[in-house]
Amino acid sequence: MRIAVVAMGKIGLPLAVQFADAGHEVIGVDVNADTVAQINSAREPFPGEAQLQEKLSQLVPAGKLRATTDYAEAIPGADAVVVVVPLFVNDETWQPDFTWMDSATASLAAHLSAGTLVSYETTLPVGTTRNRWKPMIEEISGLVEGTDFHVVFSPERVLTGRVFADLRRYPKLVGALSEQGAQRAIEFYESVLDFDDRPDLSRPNGVWDMGCAEAAEMAKLAETTYRDVNIGLANQFAVYADKVGIDVQRVIEACNSQPYSHIHRPGIAVGGHCIPVYPRLYLSTDPDATIVRTARQCNAGMPEYVVSRVAQVLGSLQDMRVAVLGASYRGGVKETAFSGIFATVAALRERGARVLVHDPMYSASELADFGWEAYELGQSVDVVIVQADHQQYREITAEQFPEVKLLFDGRGVTNPQLWQGTPRLVVGNGADR
């Protein structure tokens, strides 16, 4: 097949590589000319994705994969078009911002050939495939969905850094607008993906037909919203445990010792492209979901909660030197999307603290681009706050932070034995009682 992938980012490029590695001719389209140039030079535009550089080095010289900025070059004649363009959410209104996706859809529709399967993998609010993309593509292309082309929703279910492994591990969900569209989507994904044996599943691992686009859209939103709600509950348990002097980790460990409890870990922040965003996409079509809204608000408020606890212990933070460890939203990933670093730094600065930021994945100049002063281990500080669970932070010691008065481990990753003699707090450990 000839396959076009729209948006060659941290998900789109590995997908394109996967399709090409399965023996198909793949062309990626992206608005970023530098990204396109790097791909065509067989260089990964972003580090950290397992096996990506190795596969690029094989597929690009072999002519199996190339990239362009021109939709007119990528879309005509494609058997399938896979769309992985980012969808944003307005931070104030919590409504989806379709600007980039509308532009991409209009561009692909203007060059669409009859017989093409169009698959959206970007997470969408329920009803978007049927009510937004179908009529938009039909109006611009002059083609009729279900007859001249098929549009389906098939959510990506992978994490950056392990995309190729996740593509094998998790069932591929497809939701179509017709039975014929569903069959086309199943045939397509079965031709580009292989699946691990999963005896733990209720049915064989592979491509799963969800029956309609709306069910597939909701499945992606639900699996991620569940995590946000679960973490929100864990954080509320943690806040209460701090009030009454209970170690919430012992409580959670005890609860999860039986098979009906799966309480997640509390912490300083919930970041990334998915968990902070998708609950709001769900709320955009189900505004009465009060549980979802409350959990999202609880999780968004955790950086302020951590900083307020630091102030409760030490008093005024005016002119105090505070080292925040970890700019990334999670350990081992060089990505700040919705990271707790932003709210943590803001809360500290509001209290007059001098904030320094450390992250082993970012240079001092990169941190400066965010407006942060870089911290180097060994500098004197008053407070240390662990914001991201990088592996390096598991073995840090009090001696590496001269004059430190308090460690607040927002991720529960530091070794308490290495901090004896220095006050150490963790979300929900009740240590201040």
Protein backbone atom coordinates (compact mmCIF):
# COMPACT_ATOMS: atom_id res chain seq x y z
CA MET A 1 0.00 0.00 0.00
CA ARG A 2 0.87 3.66 -0.29
CA ILE A 3 0.30 5.28 3.12
CA ALA A 4 0.39 8.95 4.09
CA VAL A 5 0.90 9.97 7.72
CA VAL A 6 -0.11 13.52 8.64
CA ALA A 7 2.06 15.09 11.40
CA MET A 8 5.46 13.51 12.00
CA GLY A 9 5.77 14.12 15.72
CA LYS A 10 6.61 11.80 18.59
CA ILE A 11 3.71 9.50 17.69
CA GLY A 12 3.30 10.10 13.95
CA LEU A 13 6.91 9.39 12.99
CA PRO A 14 7.13 6.05 14.84
CA LEU A 15 3.80 5.09 13.24
CA ALA A 16 5.14 5.94 9.81
CA VAL A 17 8.26 3.88 10.56
CA GLN A 18 6.09 0.97 11.72
CA PHE A 19 4.08 1.05 8.49
CA ALA A 20 7.20 1.24 6.33
CA ASP A 21 8.85 -1.54 8.32
CA ALA A 22 5.82 -3.71 7.50
CA GLY A 23 6.70 -3.39 3.81
CA HIS A 24 4.58 -0.46 2.66
CA GLU A 25 5.51 2.79 0.90
CA VAL A 26 5.09 5.61 3.40
CA ILE A 27 5.21 9.38 3.00
CA GLY A 28 4.86 11.67 5.98
CA VAL A 29 3.66 15.25 5.77
CA ASP A 30 4.53 17.89 8.38
CA VAL A 31 4.42 21.68 8.50
CA ASN A 32 7.87 21.83 10.10
CA ALA A 33 10.47 21.95 7.33
CA ASP A 34 13.31 21.15 9.73
CA THR A 35 11.55 17.98 10.91
CA VAL A 36 11.02 16.95 7.29
CA ALA A 37 14.68 17.58 6.44
CA GLN A 38 15.92 15.53 9.37
CA ILE A 39 13.66 12.60 8.48
CA ASN A 40 14.80 12.66 4.86
CA SER A 41 18.38 12.62 6.15
CA ALA A 42 17.50 9.53 8.23
CA ARG A 43 18.02 11.40 11.51
CA GLU A 44 15.51 11.22 14.36
CA PRO A 45 14.21 14.76 15.06
CA PHE A 46 13.78 13.98 18.76
CA PRO A 47 15.79 11.60 20.95
CA GLY A 48 14.53 8.94 23.30
CA GLU A 49 12.32 6.69 21.18
CA ALA A 50 13.58 3.10 21.37
CA GLN A 51 14.64 1.64 17.98
CA LEU A 52 13.57 4.75 16.05
CA GLN A 53 17.01 5.83 14.82
CA GLU A 54 17.94 2.27 13.92
CA LYS A 55 14.82 1.84 11.81
CA LEU A 56 15.16 5.26 10.15
CA SER A 57 18.72 4.38 9.14
CA GLN A 58 17.39 1.35 7.29
CA LEU A 59 14.08 2.55 5.84
CA VAL A 60 14.93 6.01 4.51
CA PRO A 61 17.95 4.97 2.37
CA ALA A 62 15.88 2.03 1.09
CA GLY A 63 13.23 4.43 -0.20
CA LYS A 64 10.50 3.02 2.03
CA LEU A 65 9.96 6.24 3.99
CA ARG A 66 10.22 9.92 3.14
CA ALA A 67 8.67 13.18 4.31
CA THR A 68 7.36 16.39 2.77
CA THR A 69 5.69 19.66 3.72
CA ASP A 70 3.39 19.43 0.70
CA TYR A 71 -0.03 17.76 1.05
CA ALA A 72 -0.30 17.71 -2.75
CA GLU A 73 2.68 15.37 -2.79
CA ALA A 74 1.57 13.12 0.05
CA ILE A 75 -2.20 12.65 -0.20
CA PRO A 76 -3.20 11.94 -3.85
CA GLY A 77 -3.21 8.24 -4.64
CA ALA A 78 -2.76 7.13 -1.03
CA ASP A 79 -4.55 3.95 -0.05
CA ALA A 80 -4.70 5.17 3.53
CA VAL A 81 -4.15 8.49 5.31
CA VAL A 82 -3.42 8.38 9.05
CA VAL A 83 -3.85 11.66 10.94
CA VAL A 84 -1.93 12.29 14.17
CA VAL A 85 -2.17 16.10 14.38
CA PRO A 86 -2.24 17.52 17.94
CA LEU A 87 -5.54 18.67 19.42
CA PHE A 88 -5.25 21.36 22.06
CA VAL A 89 -7.52 22.40 24.92
CA ASN A 90 -8.12 25.98 26.04
CA ASP A 91 -6.77 26.28 29.59
CA GLU A 92 -9.48 28.73 30.62
CA THR A 93 -12.60 27.35 28.95
CA TRP A 94 -11.53 23.67 28.83
CA GLN A 95 -12.93 23.54 25.29
CA PRO A 96 -11.05 21.79 22.46
CA ASP A 97 -9.11 23.95 20.03
CA PHE A 98 -9.43 22.34 16.60
CA THR A 99 -7.33 24.95 14.77
CA TRP A 100 -4.47 22.65 13.75
CA MET A 101 -6.70 19.65 13.06
CA ASP A 102 -9.15 21.70 10.99
CA SER A 103 -6.27 23.00 8.89
CA ALA A 104 -4.81 19.52 8.37
CA THR A 105 -8.21 18.03 7.53
CA ALA A 106 -8.96 20.78 5.02
CA SER A 107 -5.55 20.28 3.40
CA LEU A 108 -5.88 16.51 3.08
CA ALA A 109 -9.48 16.79 1.86
CA ALA A 110 -8.41 19.15 -0.92
CA HIS A 111 -6.15 16.43 -2.34
CA LEU A 112 -8.08 13.28 -1.40
CA SER A 113 -8.45 10.54 -3.98
CA ALA A 114 -11.45 8.25 -4.24
CA GLY A 115 -10.97 4.91 -2.52
CA THR A 116 -8.86 6.27 0.36
CA LEU A 117 -9.24 5.22 3.98
CA VAL A 118 -8.80 8.20 6.36
CA SER A 119 -8.00 7.18 9.95
CA TYR A 120 -7.83 9.69 12.78
CA GLU A 121 -5.57 8.55 15.62
CA THR A 122 -5.58 11.85 17.56
CA THR A 123 -7.74 11.60 20.68
CA LEU A 124 -11.09 13.32 20.01
CA PRO A 125 -14.27 14.32 21.85
CA VAL A 126 -17.11 11.85 21.30
CA GLY A 127 -18.89 12.53 18.03
CA THR A 128 -16.09 14.44 16.31
CA THR A 129 -15.36 11.88 13.59
CA ARG A 130 -18.98 11.69 12.45
CA ASN A 131 -20.09 15.27 13.02
CA ARG A 132 -16.96 17.29 12.19
CA TRP A 133 -14.52 15.38 9.98
CA LYS A 134 -17.00 13.52 7.76
CA PRO A 135 -18.93 16.62 6.59
CA MET A 136 -15.75 18.73 6.32
CA ILE A 137 -13.99 16.20 4.10
CA GLU A 138 -17.12 15.65 1.99
CA GLU A 139 -17.65 19.39 1.42
CA ILE A 140 -14.04 20.12 0.43
CA SER A 141 -13.31 16.96 -1.57
CA GLY A 142 -16.68 16.58 -3.27
CA LEU A 143 -16.53 12.88 -2.38
CA VAL A 144 -19.09 10.92 -0.37
CA GLU A 145 -18.07 9.09 2.80
CA GLY A 146 -19.08 5.44 2.80
CA THR A 147 -19.07 5.35 -1.00
CA ASP A 148 -16.03 7.22 -2.32
CA PHE A 149 -13.91 7.10 0.83
CA HIS A 150 -14.10 5.92 4.43
CA VAL A 151 -13.26 7.82 7.61
CA VAL A 152 -12.64 5.99 10.87
CA PHE A 153 -11.35 6.69 14.35
CA SER A 154 -8.56 4.49 15.71
CA PRO A 155 -6.90 6.01 18.80
CA GLU A 156 -3.18 5.78 19.41
CA ARG A 157 -2.60 3.92 22.70
CA VAL A 158 1.15 4.24 23.11
CA LEU A 159 3.64 6.07 25.30
CA THR A 160 6.58 7.98 23.88
CA GLY A 161 9.81 6.09 24.42
CA ARG A 162 8.18 2.70 23.91
CA VAL A 163 5.88 3.17 20.91
CA PHE A 164 6.94 0.07 18.99
CA ALA A 165 6.51 -2.21 22.02
CA ASP A 166 3.10 -0.69 22.83
CA LEU A 167 1.88 -1.14 19.26
CA ARG A 168 2.41 -4.87 19.72
CA ARG A 169 1.07 -5.09 23.25
CA TYR A 170 -2.28 -3.33 23.12
CA PRO A 171 -5.33 -4.13 20.96
CA LYS A 172 -5.87 -1.69 18.10
CA LEU A 173 -9.33 -0.17 18.44
CA VAL A 174 -11.21 0.93 15.34
CA GLY A 175 -14.55 2.70 15.10
CA ALA A 176 -16.12 3.36 11.71
CA LEU A 177 -19.23 5.03 10.29
CA SER A 178 -20.24 1.96 8.28
CA GLU A 179 -19.62 -1.79 8.17
CA GLN A 180 -17.63 -1.40 4.95
CA GLY A 181 -15.47 1.29 6.58
CA ALA A 182 -14.87 -0.94 9.58
CA GLN A 183 -13.73 -3.79 7.34
CA ARG A 184 -11.35 -1.49 5.45
CA ALA A 185 -9.86 -0.28 8.74
CA ILE A 186 -9.46 -3.79 10.10
CA GLU A 187 -7.73 -4.96 6.92
CA PHE A 188 -5.45 -1.92 6.96
CA TYR A 189 -4.28 -2.22 10.56
CA GLU A 190 -3.88 -5.99 10.32
CA SER A 191 -1.50 -5.38 7.42
CA VAL A 192 0.72 -2.91 9.30
CA LEU A 193 0.71 -4.24 12.86
CA ASP A 194 1.71 -7.43 14.67
CA PHE A 195 0.44 -8.28 18.13
CA ASP A 196 1.83 -10.01 21.20
CA ASP A 197 -0.01 -12.98 22.61
CA ARG A 198 -2.15 -11.71 25.50
CA PRO A 199 -3.77 -14.62 27.38
CA ASP A 200 -4.95 -12.10 29.99
CA LEU A 201 -7.41 -10.52 27.53
CA SER A 202 -11.03 -11.57 27.14
CA ARG A 203 -10.49 -12.09 23.41
CA PRO A 204 -7.46 -12.47 21.15
CA ASN A 205 -5.13 -9.50 20.89
CA GLY A 206 -5.37 -7.71 17.55
CA VAL A 207 -7.64 -5.23 15.80
CA TRP A 208 -10.89 -4.78 17.72
CA ASP A 209 -13.97 -3.36 15.99
CA MET A 210 -15.73 -1.05 18.47
CA GLY A 211 -18.96 -0.99 16.43
CA CYS A 212 -18.98 2.76 15.77
CA ALA A 213 -16.67 5.75 15.83
CA GLU A 214 -18.26 7.12 18.99
CA ALA A 215 -17.46 3.98 20.98
CA ALA A 216 -13.81 4.12 19.90
CA GLU A 217 -13.63 7.83 20.77
CA MET A 218 -15.08 7.20 24.21
CA ALA A 219 -12.83 4.20 24.86
CA LYS A 220 -9.70 6.35 24.49
CA LEU A 221 -11.14 9.13 26.63
CA ALA A 222 -12.40 6.71 29.26
CA GLU A 223 -9.16 4.79 29.75
CA THR A 224 -7.23 8.01 30.35
CA THR A 225 -9.93 9.80 32.35
CA TYR A 226 -10.05 6.76 34.65
CA ARG A 227 -6.41 7.34 35.51
CA ASP A 228 -6.96 11.04 36.22
CA VAL A 229 -9.94 10.30 38.45
CA ASN A 230 -8.06 7.53 40.25
CA ILE A 231 -5.06 9.80 40.87
CA GLY A 232 -7.43 12.55 42.03
CA LEU A 233 -8.91 10.15 44.57
CA ALA A 234 -5.43 9.12 45.72
CA ASN A 235 -4.48 12.77 46.10
CA GLN A 236 -7.58 13.49 48.18
CA PHE A 237 -6.73 10.52 50.39
CA ALA A 238 -3.18 11.90 50.68
CA VAL A 239 -4.33 15.39 51.68
CA TYR A 240 -6.56 13.91 54.38
CA ALA A 241 -3.75 11.64 55.57
CA ASP A 242 -1.54 14.69 56.00
CA LYS A 243 -4.22 16.33 58.14
CA VAL A 244 -4.62 13.40 60.52
CA GLY A 245 -1.04 12.11 60.54
CA ILE A 246 -1.42 8.88 58.55
CA ASP A 247 1.05 7.44 56.03
CA VAL A 248 -1.19 7.09 52.97
CA GLN A 249 1.32 4.83 51.17
CA ARG A 250 0.77 2.16 53.80
CA VAL A 251 -2.97 2.58 53.39
CA ILE A 252 -2.79 2.25 49.61
CA GLU A 253 -0.49 -0.77 49.81
CA ALA A 254 -2.93 -2.45 52.18
CA CYS A 255 -5.95 -1.65 50.02
CA ASN A 256 -4.30 -2.92 46.84
CA SER A 257 -3.40 -6.22 48.48
CA GLN A 258 -6.83 -7.50 47.47
CA PRO A 259 -7.95 -7.72 43.82
CA TYR A 260 -10.78 -5.16 43.91
CA SER A 261 -8.72 -2.11 44.79
CA HIS A 262 -6.37 -0.41 42.33
CA ILE A 263 -5.62 2.94 43.96
CA HIS A 264 -2.96 4.88 42.07
CA ARG A 265 -0.12 6.91 43.59
CA PRO A 266 -0.62 10.46 44.83
CA GLY A 267 1.90 13.11 43.84
CA ILE A 268 2.78 16.70 43.13
CA ALA A 269 1.42 16.79 39.58
CA VAL A 270 -0.21 14.96 36.70
CA GLY A 271 1.39 16.02 33.42
CA GLY A 272 1.90 15.01 29.82
CA HIS A 273 -0.09 15.27 26.62
CA CYS A 274 -2.77 12.82 27.76
CA ILE A 275 -3.97 12.66 31.36
CA PRO A 276 -4.39 16.41 31.96
CA VAL A 277 -6.02 16.91 28.54
CA TYR A 278 -8.35 14.04 27.74
CA PRO A 279 -10.66 14.44 30.77
CA ARG A 280 -11.34 17.96 29.53
CA LEU A 281 -12.09 16.62 26.05
CA TYR A 282 -14.56 14.26 27.69
CA LEU A 283 -16.12 17.10 29.67
CA SER A 284 -16.58 19.10 26.47
CA THR A 285 -19.41 16.75 25.48
CA ASP A 286 -20.45 15.56 28.97
CA PRO A 287 -20.37 18.70 31.16
CA ASP A 288 -22.42 16.96 33.86
CA ALA A 289 -19.56 14.58 34.71
CA THR A 290 -18.89 16.15 38.10
CA ILE A 291 -16.55 13.37 39.25
CA VAL A 292 -14.29 13.96 36.26
CA ARG A 293 -14.28 17.74 36.80
CA THR A 294 -13.51 17.49 40.52
CA ALA A 295 -10.62 15.06 39.97
CA ARG A 296 -9.08 17.29 37.29
CA GLN A 297 -9.31 20.32 39.57
CA CYS A 298 -7.83 18.36 42.47
CA ASN A 299 -4.85 17.18 40.43
CA ALA A 300 -4.25 20.62 38.95
CA GLY A 301 -4.08 22.03 42.48
CA MET A 302 -1.40 19.68 43.83
CA PRO A 303 1.65 21.90 43.07
CA GLU A 304 0.06 24.70 45.10
CA TYR A 305 -0.69 22.20 47.88
CA VAL A 306 2.94 21.07 48.04
CA VAL A 307 4.27 24.62 48.14
CA SER A 308 1.74 25.56 50.83
CA ARG A 309 2.94 22.66 52.98
CA VAL A 310 6.53 23.83 52.58
CA ALA A 311 5.42 27.28 53.78
CA GLN A 312 3.57 25.73 56.71
CA VAL A 313 6.76 24.05 57.88
CA LEU A 314 9.27 26.86 57.22
CA GLY A 315 7.12 29.97 57.42
CA SER A 316 7.73 32.75 54.91
CA LEU A 317 9.52 31.66 51.75
CA GLN A 318 10.56 35.22 50.91
CA ASP A 319 14.10 35.20 49.46
CA MET A 320 14.54 31.49 50.22
CA ARG A 321 16.51 29.49 47.65
CA VAL A 322 14.36 26.61 46.39
CA ALA A 323 15.70 23.95 44.02
CA VAL A 324 12.96 22.24 42.01
CA LEU A 325 14.22 18.94 40.65
CA GLY A 326 12.71 17.90 37.35
CA ALA A 327 11.29 20.05 34.56
CA SER A 328 9.87 17.05 32.66
CA TYR A 329 6.33 15.92 33.31
CA ARG A 330 7.59 12.41 34.14
CA GLY A 331 10.90 10.69 34.67
CA GLY A 332 13.05 9.67 31.74
CA VAL A 333 11.22 11.81 29.20
CA LYS A 334 12.46 15.13 27.85
CA GLU A 335 9.04 16.73 27.61
CA THR A 336 7.39 19.53 29.61
CA ALA A 337 3.82 19.23 28.28
CA PHE A 338 1.52 20.21 31.17
CA SER A 339 4.36 19.50 33.56
CA GLY A 340 3.89 20.36 37.21
CA ILE A 341 7.04 22.46 36.97
CA PHE A 342 5.10 25.48 35.73
CA ALA A 343 2.60 25.65 38.59
CA THR A 344 5.27 24.76 41.15
CA VAL A 345 7.58 27.57 40.04
CA ALA A 346 4.67 30.02 39.90
CA ALA A 347 3.52 29.16 43.42
CA LEU A 348 7.04 29.57 44.80
CA ARG A 349 7.61 32.89 43.04
CA GLU A 350 4.29 34.19 44.34
CA ARG A 351 5.71 33.66 47.83
CA GLY A 352 8.89 35.52 47.01
CA ALA A 353 11.21 32.51 46.74
CA ARG A 354 14.25 32.43 44.48
CA VAL A 355 13.58 29.40 42.30
CA LEU A 356 16.25 27.28 40.64
CA VAL A 357 15.45 24.33 38.37
CA HIS A 358 17.44 21.16 37.76
CA ASP A 359 16.81 18.48 35.18
CA PRO A 360 19.44 16.02 33.89
CA MET A 361 17.78 15.99 30.47
CA TYR A 362 17.94 19.77 29.94
CA SER A 363 20.92 22.10 29.58
CA ALA A 364 21.16 25.38 31.46
CA SER A 365 20.40 27.28 28.26
CA GLU A 366 17.32 25.16 27.60
CA LEU A 367 16.05 25.84 31.11
CA ALA A 368 16.77 29.53 30.61
CA ASP A 369 14.54 29.47 27.52
CA PHE A 370 11.67 28.66 29.88
CA GLY A 371 12.65 31.58 32.11
CA TRP A 372 14.24 29.44 34.82
CA GLU A 373 17.60 29.76 36.53
CA ALA A 374 19.48 26.48 36.37
CA TYR A 375 20.51 24.69 39.55
CA GLU A 376 23.67 22.63 39.84
CA LEU A 377 24.06 19.93 42.48
CA GLY A 378 26.29 21.25 45.24
CA GLN A 379 24.88 24.76 45.31
CA SER A 380 23.53 25.96 48.66
CA VAL A 381 19.75 25.95 48.92
CA ASP A 382 17.11 26.17 51.63
CA VAL A 383 14.51 23.82 50.13
CA VAL A 384 14.51 20.95 47.63
CA ILE A 385 11.30 19.90 45.86
CA VAL A 386 11.30 16.77 43.68
CA GLN A 387 8.88 17.41 40.81
CA ALA A 388 9.81 14.64 38.31
CA ASP A 389 10.75 11.06 39.12
CA HIS A 390 13.97 10.88 37.11
CA GLN A 391 16.04 7.83 37.98
CA GLN A 392 18.94 10.06 39.09
CA TYR A 393 16.89 11.47 41.95
CA ARG A 394 16.46 8.12 43.66
CA GLU A 395 19.96 8.30 45.13
CA ILE A 396 20.43 11.99 45.83
CA THR A 397 21.63 12.81 49.36
CA ALA A 398 21.30 15.77 51.70
CA GLU A 399 25.05 16.36 51.37
CA GLN A 400 24.52 17.34 47.73
CA PHE A 401 22.39 20.29 48.85
CA PRO A 402 24.39 22.37 51.35
CA GLU A 403 22.31 24.24 53.96
CA VAL A 404 19.09 22.47 52.95
CA LYS A 405 16.39 22.81 55.61
CA LEU A 406 13.65 20.68 54.02
CA LEU A 407 13.16 18.10 51.26
CA PHE A 408 9.67 17.76 49.83
CA ASP A 409 9.66 14.67 47.62
CA GLY A 410 6.61 15.19 45.43
CA ARG A 411 7.05 11.79 43.80
CA GLY A 412 8.09 9.60 46.71
CA VAL A 413 11.26 8.45 44.94
CA THR A 414 14.07 9.57 47.25
CA ASN A 415 15.71 7.22 49.74
CA PRO A 416 14.80 8.31 53.28
CA GLN A 417 17.96 6.65 54.62
CA LEU A 418 20.00 9.18 52.64
CA TRP A 419 18.16 12.10 54.23
CA GLN A 420 18.42 11.24 57.89
CA GLY A 421 18.80 14.41 59.91
CA THR A 422 17.00 16.53 57.29
CA PRO A 423 13.22 16.94 57.39
CA ARG A 424 11.73 14.99 54.48
CA LEU A 425 8.09 15.19 53.41
CA VAL A 426 6.15 13.15 50.86
CA VAL A 427 2.61 13.80 49.69
CA GLY A 428 0.40 11.94 52.17
CA ASN A 429 3.04 10.75 54.61
CA GLY A 430 1.70 12.78 57.56
CA ALA A 431 5.28 13.48 58.66
CA ASP A 432 4.52 16.98 59.87
CA ARG A 433 2.24 15.63 62.65
